[in-house]
mmCIF file of all heavy atoms, coordinates in Angstrom:
data_MODEL
# 
_entry.id   MODEL 
# 
loop_
_atom_site.group_PDB 
_atom_site.id 
_atom_site.type_symbol 
_atom_site.label_atom_id 
_atom_site.label_alt_id 
_atom_site.label_comp_id 
_atom_site.label_asym_id 
_atom_site.label_entity_id 
_atom_site.label_seq_id 
_atom_site.pdbx_PDB_ins_code 
_atom_site.Cartn_x 
_atom_site.Cartn_y 
_atom_site.Cartn_z 
_atom_site.occupancy 
_atom_site.B_iso_or_equiv 
_atom_site.pdbx_formal_charge 
_atom_site.auth_seq_id 
_atom_site.auth_comp_id 
_atom_site.auth_asym_id 
_atom_site.auth_atom_id 
_atom_site.pdbx_PDB_model_num 
ATOM 1   N N   . SER A 1 1  ? 4.375  -4.445  12.312  1.00 0.00 ? 1  SER A N   1 
ATOM 2   C CA  . SER A 1 1  ? 5.260  -3.203  12.485  1.00 0.00 ? 1  SER A CA  1 
ATOM 3   C C   . SER A 1 1  ? 4.456  -1.912  12.150  1.00 0.00 ? 1  SER A C   1 
ATOM 4   O O   . SER A 1 1  ? 5.054  -0.877  12.188  1.00 0.00 ? 1  SER A O   1 
ATOM 5   C CB  . SER A 1 1  ? 6.465  -3.296  11.539  1.00 0.00 ? 1  SER A CB  1 
ATOM 6   O OG  . SER A 1 1  ? 7.275  -4.441  11.954  1.00 0.00 ? 1  SER A OG  1 
ATOM 7   N N   . GLY A 1 2  ? 3.147  -2.091  11.776  1.00 0.00 ? 2  GLY A N   1 
ATOM 8   C CA  . GLY A 1 2  ? 2.350  -0.895  11.411  1.00 0.00 ? 2  GLY A CA  1 
ATOM 9   C C   . GLY A 1 2  ? 2.273  -0.574  10.018  1.00 0.00 ? 2  GLY A C   1 
ATOM 10  O O   . GLY A 1 2  ? 1.699  0.418   9.624   1.00 0.00 ? 2  GLY A O   1 
ATOM 11  N N   . ILE A 1 3  ? 2.934  -1.443  9.141   1.00 0.00 ? 3  ILE A N   1 
ATOM 12  C CA  . ILE A 1 3  ? 2.773  -1.161  7.696   1.00 0.00 ? 3  ILE A CA  1 
ATOM 13  C C   . ILE A 1 3  ? 1.461  -1.618  7.263   1.00 0.00 ? 3  ILE A C   1 
ATOM 14  O O   . ILE A 1 3  ? 1.082  -2.753  7.439   1.00 0.00 ? 3  ILE A O   1 
ATOM 15  C CB  . ILE A 1 3  ? 3.910  -2.004  6.879   1.00 0.00 ? 3  ILE A CB  1 
ATOM 16  C CG1 . ILE A 1 3  ? 5.324  -1.666  7.494   1.00 0.00 ? 3  ILE A CG1 1 
ATOM 17  C CG2 . ILE A 1 3  ? 3.747  -1.552  5.434   1.00 0.00 ? 3  ILE A CG2 1 
ATOM 18  C CD1 . ILE A 1 3  ? 5.696  -0.198  7.394   1.00 0.00 ? 3  ILE A CD1 1 
ATOM 19  N N   . PRO A 1 4  ? 0.714  -0.710  6.553   1.00 0.00 ? 4  PRO A N   1 
ATOM 20  C CA  . PRO A 1 4  ? -0.733 -1.059  6.194   1.00 0.00 ? 4  PRO A CA  1 
ATOM 21  C C   . PRO A 1 4  ? -0.881 -1.894  4.990   1.00 0.00 ? 4  PRO A C   1 
ATOM 22  O O   . PRO A 1 4  ? -1.165 -1.482  3.898   1.00 0.00 ? 4  PRO A O   1 
ATOM 23  C CB  . PRO A 1 4  ? -1.362 0.320   6.036   1.00 0.00 ? 4  PRO A CB  1 
ATOM 24  C CG  . PRO A 1 4  ? -0.265 1.129   5.519   1.00 0.00 ? 4  PRO A CG  1 
ATOM 25  C CD  . PRO A 1 4  ? 0.939  0.634   6.282   1.00 0.00 ? 4  PRO A CD  1 
ATOM 26  N N   . VAL A 1 5  ? -0.486 -3.216  5.075   1.00 0.00 ? 5  VAL A N   1 
ATOM 27  C CA  . VAL A 1 5  ? -0.565 -4.085  4.045   1.00 0.00 ? 5  VAL A CA  1 
ATOM 28  C C   . VAL A 1 5  ? -1.918 -4.730  3.894   1.00 0.00 ? 5  VAL A C   1 
ATOM 29  O O   . VAL A 1 5  ? -2.551 -5.142  4.939   1.00 0.00 ? 5  VAL A O   1 
ATOM 30  C CB  . VAL A 1 5  ? 0.490  -5.324  4.148   1.00 0.00 ? 5  VAL A CB  1 
ATOM 31  C CG1 . VAL A 1 5  ? 0.401  -6.304  3.010   1.00 0.00 ? 5  VAL A CG1 1 
ATOM 32  C CG2 . VAL A 1 5  ? 1.940  -4.766  4.218   1.00 0.00 ? 5  VAL A CG2 1 
ATOM 33  N N   . ILE A 1 6  ? -2.476 -4.665  2.734   1.00 0.00 ? 6  ILE A N   1 
ATOM 34  C CA  . ILE A 1 6  ? -3.829 -5.198  2.532   1.00 0.00 ? 6  ILE A CA  1 
ATOM 35  C C   . ILE A 1 6  ? -3.761 -6.451  1.761   1.00 0.00 ? 6  ILE A C   1 
ATOM 36  O O   . ILE A 1 6  ? -3.134 -6.641  0.730   1.00 0.00 ? 6  ILE A O   1 
ATOM 37  C CB  . ILE A 1 6  ? -4.721 -4.168  1.653   1.00 0.00 ? 6  ILE A CB  1 
ATOM 38  C CG1 . ILE A 1 6  ? -4.824 -2.840  2.433   1.00 0.00 ? 6  ILE A CG1 1 
ATOM 39  C CG2 . ILE A 1 6  ? -6.118 -4.741  1.423   1.00 0.00 ? 6  ILE A CG2 1 
ATOM 40  C CD1 . ILE A 1 6  ? -5.435 -1.713  1.614   1.00 0.00 ? 6  ILE A CD1 1 
ATOM 41  N N   . THR A 1 7  ? -4.437 -7.480  2.339   1.00 0.00 ? 7  THR A N   1 
ATOM 42  C CA  . THR A 1 7  ? -4.508 -8.796  1.703   1.00 0.00 ? 7  THR A CA  1 
ATOM 43  C C   . THR A 1 7  ? -5.759 -9.003  0.937   1.00 0.00 ? 7  THR A C   1 
ATOM 44  O O   . THR A 1 7  ? -6.913 -8.870  1.471   1.00 0.00 ? 7  THR A O   1 
ATOM 45  C CB  . THR A 1 7  ? -4.400 -9.981  2.763   1.00 0.00 ? 7  THR A CB  1 
ATOM 46  O OG1 . THR A 1 7  ? -3.189 -9.842  3.484   1.00 0.00 ? 7  THR A OG1 1 
ATOM 47  C CG2 . THR A 1 7  ? -4.368 -11.390 2.125   1.00 0.00 ? 7  THR A CG2 1 
ATOM 48  N N   . GLU A 1 8  ? -5.653 -9.232  -0.357  1.00 0.00 ? 8  GLU A N   1 
ATOM 49  C CA  . GLU A 1 8  ? -6.769 -9.473  -1.267  1.00 0.00 ? 8  GLU A CA  1 
ATOM 50  C C   . GLU A 1 8  ? -6.899 -10.932 -1.510  1.00 0.00 ? 8  GLU A C   1 
ATOM 51  O O   . GLU A 1 8  ? -6.095 -11.447 -2.286  1.00 0.00 ? 8  GLU A O   1 
ATOM 52  C CB  . GLU A 1 8  ? -6.836 -8.635  -2.487  1.00 0.00 ? 8  GLU A CB  1 
ATOM 53  C CG  . GLU A 1 8  ? -6.806 -7.158  -2.193  1.00 0.00 ? 8  GLU A CG  1 
ATOM 54  C CD  . GLU A 1 8  ? -6.848 -6.247  -3.431  1.00 0.00 ? 8  GLU A CD  1 
ATOM 55  O OE1 . GLU A 1 8  ? -7.493 -6.818  -4.475  1.00 0.00 ? 8  GLU A OE1 1 
ATOM 56  O OE2 . GLU A 1 8  ? -6.388 -5.196  -3.456  1.00 0.00 ? 8  GLU A OE2 1 
ATOM 57  N N   . GLU A 1 9  ? -7.847 -11.689 -0.964  1.00 0.00 ? 9  GLU A N   1 
ATOM 58  C CA  . GLU A 1 9  ? -7.940 -13.114 -1.027  1.00 0.00 ? 9  GLU A CA  1 
ATOM 59  C C   . GLU A 1 9  ? -7.911 -13.562 -2.527  1.00 0.00 ? 9  GLU A C   1 
ATOM 60  O O   . GLU A 1 9  ? -8.707 -13.016 -3.276  1.00 0.00 ? 9  GLU A O   1 
ATOM 61  C CB  . GLU A 1 9  ? -9.148 -13.663 -0.342  1.00 0.00 ? 9  GLU A CB  1 
ATOM 62  C CG  . GLU A 1 9  ? -9.159 -13.476 1.169   1.00 0.00 ? 9  GLU A CG  1 
ATOM 63  C CD  . GLU A 1 9  ? -8.064 -14.269 1.869   1.00 0.00 ? 9  GLU A CD  1 
ATOM 64  O OE1 . GLU A 1 9  ? -7.597 -15.308 1.233   1.00 0.00 ? 9  GLU A OE1 1 
ATOM 65  O OE2 . GLU A 1 9  ? -7.548 -13.825 2.931   1.00 0.00 ? 9  GLU A OE2 1 
ATOM 66  N N   . GLY A 1 10 ? -7.025 -14.459 -2.804  1.00 0.00 ? 10 GLY A N   1 
ATOM 67  C CA  . GLY A 1 10 ? -6.993 -15.020 -4.195  1.00 0.00 ? 10 GLY A CA  1 
ATOM 68  C C   . GLY A 1 10 ? -6.254 -14.109 -5.260  1.00 0.00 ? 10 GLY A C   1 
ATOM 69  O O   . GLY A 1 10 ? -6.126 -14.437 -6.397  1.00 0.00 ? 10 GLY A O   1 
ATOM 70  N N   . LYS A 1 11 ? -5.855 -12.929 -4.757  1.00 0.00 ? 11 LYS A N   1 
ATOM 71  C CA  . LYS A 1 11 ? -5.134 -12.017 -5.689  1.00 0.00 ? 11 LYS A CA  1 
ATOM 72  C C   . LYS A 1 11 ? -3.783 -11.696 -5.259  1.00 0.00 ? 11 LYS A C   1 
ATOM 73  O O   . LYS A 1 11 ? -2.763 -11.843 -6.022  1.00 0.00 ? 11 LYS A O   1 
ATOM 74  C CB  . LYS A 1 11 ? -5.968 -10.709 -5.842  1.00 0.00 ? 11 LYS A CB  1 
ATOM 75  C CG  . LYS A 1 11 ? -7.326 -10.866 -6.487  1.00 0.00 ? 11 LYS A CG  1 
ATOM 76  C CD  . LYS A 1 11 ? -7.968 -9.581  -6.688  1.00 0.00 ? 11 LYS A CD  1 
ATOM 77  C CE  . LYS A 1 11 ? -9.360 -9.688  -7.398  1.00 0.00 ? 11 LYS A CE  1 
ATOM 78  N NZ  . LYS A 1 11 ? -9.989 -8.371  -7.514  1.00 0.00 ? 11 LYS A NZ  1 
ATOM 79  N N   . GLY A 1 12 ? -3.605 -11.346 -4.023  1.00 0.00 ? 12 GLY A N   1 
ATOM 80  C CA  . GLY A 1 12 ? -2.267 -10.906 -3.546  1.00 0.00 ? 12 GLY A CA  1 
ATOM 81  C C   . GLY A 1 12 ? -2.288 -9.828  -2.515  1.00 0.00 ? 12 GLY A C   1 
ATOM 82  O O   . GLY A 1 12 ? -3.294 -9.687  -1.763  1.00 0.00 ? 12 GLY A O   1 
ATOM 83  N N   . TYR A 1 13 ? -1.224 -9.063  -2.458  1.00 0.00 ? 13 TYR A N   1 
ATOM 84  C CA  . TYR A 1 13 ? -1.110 -8.001  -1.420  1.00 0.00 ? 13 TYR A CA  1 
ATOM 85  C C   . TYR A 1 13 ? -0.951 -6.605  -2.102  1.00 0.00 ? 13 TYR A C   1 
ATOM 86  O O   . TYR A 1 13 ? -0.482 -6.437  -3.217  1.00 0.00 ? 13 TYR A O   1 
ATOM 87  C CB  . TYR A 1 13 ? 0.203  -8.157  -0.617  1.00 0.00 ? 13 TYR A CB  1 
ATOM 88  C CG  . TYR A 1 13 ? 0.257  -9.567  0.028   1.00 0.00 ? 13 TYR A CG  1 
ATOM 89  C CD1 . TYR A 1 13 ? 1.063  -10.583 -0.431  1.00 0.00 ? 13 TYR A CD1 1 
ATOM 90  C CD2 . TYR A 1 13 ? -0.507 -9.837  1.206   1.00 0.00 ? 13 TYR A CD2 1 
ATOM 91  C CE1 . TYR A 1 13 ? 1.172  -11.781 0.151   1.00 0.00 ? 13 TYR A CE1 1 
ATOM 92  C CE2 . TYR A 1 13 ? -0.497 -11.074 1.799   1.00 0.00 ? 13 TYR A CE2 1 
ATOM 93  C CZ  . TYR A 1 13 ? 0.338  -12.033 1.318   1.00 0.00 ? 13 TYR A CZ  1 
ATOM 94  O OH  . TYR A 1 13 ? 0.418  -13.252 1.862   1.00 0.00 ? 13 TYR A OH  1 
ATOM 95  N N   . SER A 1 14 ? -1.472 -5.578  -1.346  1.00 0.00 ? 14 SER A N   1 
ATOM 96  C CA  . SER A 1 14 ? -1.284 -4.246  -1.733  1.00 0.00 ? 14 SER A CA  1 
ATOM 97  C C   . SER A 1 14 ? -0.967 -3.359  -0.598  1.00 0.00 ? 14 SER A C   1 
ATOM 98  O O   . SER A 1 14 ? -0.978 -3.980  0.569   1.00 0.00 ? 14 SER A O   1 
ATOM 99  C CB  . SER A 1 14 ? -2.479 -3.741  -2.526  1.00 0.00 ? 14 SER A CB  1 
ATOM 100 O OG  . SER A 1 14 ? -3.600 -3.755  -1.680  1.00 0.00 ? 14 SER A OG  1 
ATOM 101 N N   . ILE A 1 15 ? -0.653 -2.102  -0.739  1.00 0.00 ? 15 ILE A N   1 
ATOM 102 C CA  . ILE A 1 15 ? -0.456 -1.248  0.449   1.00 0.00 ? 15 ILE A CA  1 
ATOM 103 C C   . ILE A 1 15 ? -1.501 -0.154  0.353   1.00 0.00 ? 15 ILE A C   1 
ATOM 104 O O   . ILE A 1 15 ? -1.936 0.262   -0.694  1.00 0.00 ? 15 ILE A O   1 
ATOM 105 C CB  . ILE A 1 15 ? 0.940  -0.677  0.387   1.00 0.00 ? 15 ILE A CB  1 
ATOM 106 C CG1 . ILE A 1 15 ? 1.492  -0.237  1.721   1.00 0.00 ? 15 ILE A CG1 1 
ATOM 107 C CG2 . ILE A 1 15 ? 1.121  0.430   -0.667  1.00 0.00 ? 15 ILE A CG2 1 
ATOM 108 C CD1 . ILE A 1 15 ? 2.925  -0.135  1.882   1.00 0.00 ? 15 ILE A CD1 1 
ATOM 109 N N   . MET A 1 16 ? -1.887 0.211   1.597   1.00 0.00 ? 16 MET A N   1 
ATOM 110 C CA  . MET A 1 16 ? -3.014 1.192   1.637   1.00 0.00 ? 16 MET A CA  1 
ATOM 111 C C   . MET A 1 16 ? -2.719 2.466   0.870   1.00 0.00 ? 16 MET A C   1 
ATOM 112 O O   . MET A 1 16 ? -1.665 3.015   0.952   1.00 0.00 ? 16 MET A O   1 
ATOM 113 C CB  . MET A 1 16 ? -3.253 1.461   3.196   1.00 0.00 ? 16 MET A CB  1 
ATOM 114 C CG  . MET A 1 16 ? -4.398 2.377   3.347   1.00 0.00 ? 16 MET A CG  1 
ATOM 115 S SD  . MET A 1 16 ? -4.675 2.856   5.149   1.00 0.00 ? 16 MET A SD  1 
ATOM 116 C CE  . MET A 1 16 ? -5.047 1.232   5.826   1.00 0.00 ? 16 MET A CE  1 
ATOM 117 N N   . GLU A 1 17 ? -3.710 2.807   0.069   1.00 0.00 ? 17 GLU A N   1 
ATOM 118 C CA  . GLU A 1 17 ? -3.586 4.113   -0.678  1.00 0.00 ? 17 GLU A CA  1 
ATOM 119 C C   . GLU A 1 17 ? -3.384 5.268   0.276   1.00 0.00 ? 17 GLU A C   1 
ATOM 120 O O   . GLU A 1 17 ? -3.983 5.357   1.303   1.00 0.00 ? 17 GLU A O   1 
ATOM 121 C CB  . GLU A 1 17 ? -4.894 4.298   -1.438  1.00 0.00 ? 17 GLU A CB  1 
ATOM 122 C CG  . GLU A 1 17 ? -4.832 5.557   -2.345  1.00 0.00 ? 17 GLU A CG  1 
ATOM 123 C CD  . GLU A 1 17 ? -6.099 5.778   -3.129  1.00 0.00 ? 17 GLU A CD  1 
ATOM 124 O OE1 . GLU A 1 17 ? -7.017 4.884   -2.976  1.00 0.00 ? 17 GLU A OE1 1 
ATOM 125 O OE2 . GLU A 1 17 ? -6.110 6.662   -4.002  1.00 0.00 ? 17 GLU A OE2 1 
ATOM 126 N N   . GLY A 1 18 ? -2.407 6.025   -0.113  1.00 0.00 ? 18 GLY A N   1 
ATOM 127 C CA  . GLY A 1 18 ? -2.041 7.287   0.710   1.00 0.00 ? 18 GLY A CA  1 
ATOM 128 C C   . GLY A 1 18 ? -0.960 6.958   1.708   1.00 0.00 ? 18 GLY A C   1 
ATOM 129 O O   . GLY A 1 18 ? -0.611 7.952   2.361   1.00 0.00 ? 18 GLY A O   1 
ATOM 130 N N   . TYR A 1 19 ? -0.589 5.691   1.965   1.00 0.00 ? 19 TYR A N   1 
ATOM 131 C CA  . TYR A 1 19 ? 0.321  5.483   2.973   1.00 0.00 ? 19 TYR A CA  1 
ATOM 132 C C   . TYR A 1 19 ? 1.736  6.187   2.689   1.00 0.00 ? 19 TYR A C   1 
ATOM 133 O O   . TYR A 1 19 ? 2.375  6.628   3.553   1.00 0.00 ? 19 TYR A O   1 
ATOM 134 C CB  . TYR A 1 19 ? 0.643  3.923   3.148   1.00 0.00 ? 19 TYR A CB  1 
ATOM 135 C CG  . TYR A 1 19 ? 1.812  3.580   3.966   1.00 0.00 ? 19 TYR A CG  1 
ATOM 136 C CD1 . TYR A 1 19 ? 1.797  3.775   5.336   1.00 0.00 ? 19 TYR A CD1 1 
ATOM 137 C CD2 . TYR A 1 19 ? 2.945  3.164   3.410   1.00 0.00 ? 19 TYR A CD2 1 
ATOM 138 C CE1 . TYR A 1 19 ? 2.908  3.515   6.084   1.00 0.00 ? 19 TYR A CE1 1 
ATOM 139 C CE2 . TYR A 1 19 ? 4.079  2.885   4.124   1.00 0.00 ? 19 TYR A CE2 1 
ATOM 140 C CZ  . TYR A 1 19 ? 4.047  3.076   5.496   1.00 0.00 ? 19 TYR A CZ  1 
ATOM 141 O OH  . TYR A 1 19 ? 5.186  2.728   6.252   1.00 0.00 ? 19 TYR A OH  1 
ATOM 142 N N   . HIS A 1 20 ? 2.086  6.082   1.401   1.00 0.00 ? 20 HIS A N   1 
ATOM 143 C CA  . HIS A 1 20 ? 3.363  6.697   0.996   1.00 0.00 ? 20 HIS A CA  1 
ATOM 144 C C   . HIS A 1 20 ? 3.066  7.922   0.244   1.00 0.00 ? 20 HIS A C   1 
ATOM 145 O O   . HIS A 1 20 ? 2.402  7.990   -0.766  1.00 0.00 ? 20 HIS A O   1 
ATOM 146 C CB  . HIS A 1 20 ? 4.159  5.716   0.009   1.00 0.00 ? 20 HIS A CB  1 
ATOM 147 C CG  . HIS A 1 20 ? 5.466  6.260   -0.300  1.00 0.00 ? 20 HIS A CG  1 
ATOM 148 N ND1 . HIS A 1 20 ? 6.562  6.156   0.480   1.00 0.00 ? 20 HIS A ND1 1 
ATOM 149 C CD2 . HIS A 1 20 ? 5.892  6.882   -1.392  1.00 0.00 ? 20 HIS A CD2 1 
ATOM 150 C CE1 . HIS A 1 20 ? 7.638  6.700   -0.110  1.00 0.00 ? 20 HIS A CE1 1 
ATOM 151 N NE2 . HIS A 1 20 ? 7.202  7.144   -1.247  1.00 0.00 ? 20 HIS A NE2 1 
ATOM 152 N N   . LEU A 1 21 ? 3.542  9.073   0.792   1.00 0.00 ? 21 LEU A N   1 
ATOM 153 C CA  . LEU A 1 21 ? 3.431  10.307  0.178   1.00 0.00 ? 21 LEU A CA  1 
ATOM 154 C C   . LEU A 1 21 ? 4.648  10.619  -0.704  1.00 0.00 ? 21 LEU A C   1 
ATOM 155 O O   . LEU A 1 21 ? 5.743  10.901  -0.126  1.00 0.00 ? 21 LEU A O   1 
ATOM 156 C CB  . LEU A 1 21 ? 3.275  11.521  1.158   1.00 0.00 ? 21 LEU A CB  1 
ATOM 157 C CG  . LEU A 1 21 ? 1.971  11.345  2.081   1.00 0.00 ? 21 LEU A CG  1 
ATOM 158 C CD1 . LEU A 1 21 ? 1.946  12.413  3.129   1.00 0.00 ? 21 LEU A CD1 1 
ATOM 159 C CD2 . LEU A 1 21 ? 0.725  11.305  1.203   1.00 0.00 ? 21 LEU A CD2 1 
ATOM 160 N N   . PRO A 1 22 ? 4.530  10.539  -1.998  1.00 0.00 ? 22 PRO A N   1 
ATOM 161 C CA  . PRO A 1 22 ? 5.754  10.640  -2.890  1.00 0.00 ? 22 PRO A CA  1 
ATOM 162 C C   . PRO A 1 22 ? 6.285  12.101  -2.789  1.00 0.00 ? 22 PRO A C   1 
ATOM 163 O O   . PRO A 1 22 ? 5.620  13.092  -2.902  1.00 0.00 ? 22 PRO A O   1 
ATOM 164 C CB  . PRO A 1 22 ? 5.234  10.348  -4.280  1.00 0.00 ? 22 PRO A CB  1 
ATOM 165 C CG  . PRO A 1 22 ? 3.737  10.673  -4.170  1.00 0.00 ? 22 PRO A CG  1 
ATOM 166 C CD  . PRO A 1 22 ? 3.320  10.342  -2.762  1.00 0.00 ? 22 PRO A CD  1 
ATOM 167 N N   . PRO A 1 23 ? 7.632  12.184  -2.661  1.00 0.00 ? 23 PRO A N   1 
ATOM 168 C CA  . PRO A 1 23 ? 8.288  13.512  -2.805  1.00 0.00 ? 23 PRO A CA  1 
ATOM 169 C C   . PRO A 1 23 ? 8.378  14.094  -4.201  1.00 0.00 ? 23 PRO A C   1 
ATOM 170 O O   . PRO A 1 23 ? 8.616  15.189  -4.339  1.00 0.00 ? 23 PRO A O   1 
ATOM 171 C CB  . PRO A 1 23 ? 9.779  13.176  -2.280  1.00 0.00 ? 23 PRO A CB  1 
ATOM 172 C CG  . PRO A 1 23 ? 9.946  11.724  -2.640  1.00 0.00 ? 23 PRO A CG  1 
ATOM 173 C CD  . PRO A 1 23 ? 8.631  11.072  -2.480  1.00 0.00 ? 23 PRO A CD  1 
ATOM 174 N N   . VAL A 1 24 ? 8.168  13.147  -5.209  1.00 0.00 ? 24 VAL A N   1 
ATOM 175 C CA  . VAL A 1 24 ? 8.203  13.623  -6.641  1.00 0.00 ? 24 VAL A CA  1 
ATOM 176 C C   . VAL A 1 24 ? 6.893  13.096  -7.233  1.00 0.00 ? 24 VAL A C   1 
ATOM 177 O O   . VAL A 1 24 ? 6.540  11.932  -7.034  1.00 0.00 ? 24 VAL A O   1 
ATOM 178 C CB  . VAL A 1 24 ? 9.425  12.976  -7.298  1.00 0.00 ? 24 VAL A CB  1 
ATOM 179 C CG1 . VAL A 1 24 ? 9.372  13.407  -8.771  1.00 0.00 ? 24 VAL A CG1 1 
ATOM 180 C CG2 . VAL A 1 24 ? 10.685 13.525  -6.608  1.00 0.00 ? 24 VAL A CG2 1 
ATOM 181 N N   . LEU A 1 25 ? 6.244  13.862  -8.046  1.00 0.00 ? 25 LEU A N   1 
ATOM 182 C CA  . LEU A 1 25 ? 5.112  13.434  -8.781  1.00 0.00 ? 25 LEU A CA  1 
ATOM 183 C C   . LEU A 1 25 ? 5.431  13.467  -10.283 1.00 0.00 ? 25 LEU A C   1 
ATOM 184 O O   . LEU A 1 25 ? 5.943  14.372  -10.821 1.00 0.00 ? 25 LEU A O   1 
ATOM 185 C CB  . LEU A 1 25 ? 3.832  14.461  -8.614  1.00 0.00 ? 25 LEU A CB  1 
ATOM 186 C CG  . LEU A 1 25 ? 3.334  14.492  -7.118  1.00 0.00 ? 25 LEU A CG  1 
ATOM 187 C CD1 . LEU A 1 25 ? 2.158  15.501  -7.099  1.00 0.00 ? 25 LEU A CD1 1 
ATOM 188 C CD2 . LEU A 1 25 ? 2.825  13.133  -6.716  1.00 0.00 ? 25 LEU A CD2 1 
ATOM 189 N N   . PHE A 1 26 ? 5.152  12.224  -10.940 1.00 0.00 ? 26 PHE A N   1 
ATOM 190 C CA  . PHE A 1 26 ? 5.372  12.135  -12.336 1.00 0.00 ? 26 PHE A CA  1 
ATOM 191 C C   . PHE A 1 26 ? 4.149  12.456  -13.131 1.00 0.00 ? 26 PHE A C   1 
ATOM 192 O O   . PHE A 1 26 ? 3.025  12.087  -12.727 1.00 0.00 ? 26 PHE A O   1 
ATOM 193 C CB  . PHE A 1 26 ? 5.793  10.621  -12.656 1.00 0.00 ? 26 PHE A CB  1 
ATOM 194 C CG  . PHE A 1 26 ? 7.164  10.274  -12.107 1.00 0.00 ? 26 PHE A CG  1 
ATOM 195 C CD1 . PHE A 1 26 ? 7.412  9.832   -10.766 1.00 0.00 ? 26 PHE A CD1 1 
ATOM 196 C CD2 . PHE A 1 26 ? 8.292  10.473  -13.006 1.00 0.00 ? 26 PHE A CD2 1 
ATOM 197 C CE1 . PHE A 1 26 ? 8.611  9.518   -10.435 1.00 0.00 ? 26 PHE A CE1 1 
ATOM 198 C CE2 . PHE A 1 26 ? 9.564  10.081  -12.588 1.00 0.00 ? 26 PHE A CE2 1 
ATOM 199 C CZ  . PHE A 1 26 ? 9.678  9.611   -11.251 1.00 0.00 ? 26 PHE A CZ  1 
# 
């Protein structure tokens, strides 16, 4: 579906840095 999921072998999944632009910064 175009979601930039990154598979790290032996570790798990992450999502590409910068994919989500937060409307709020903490």
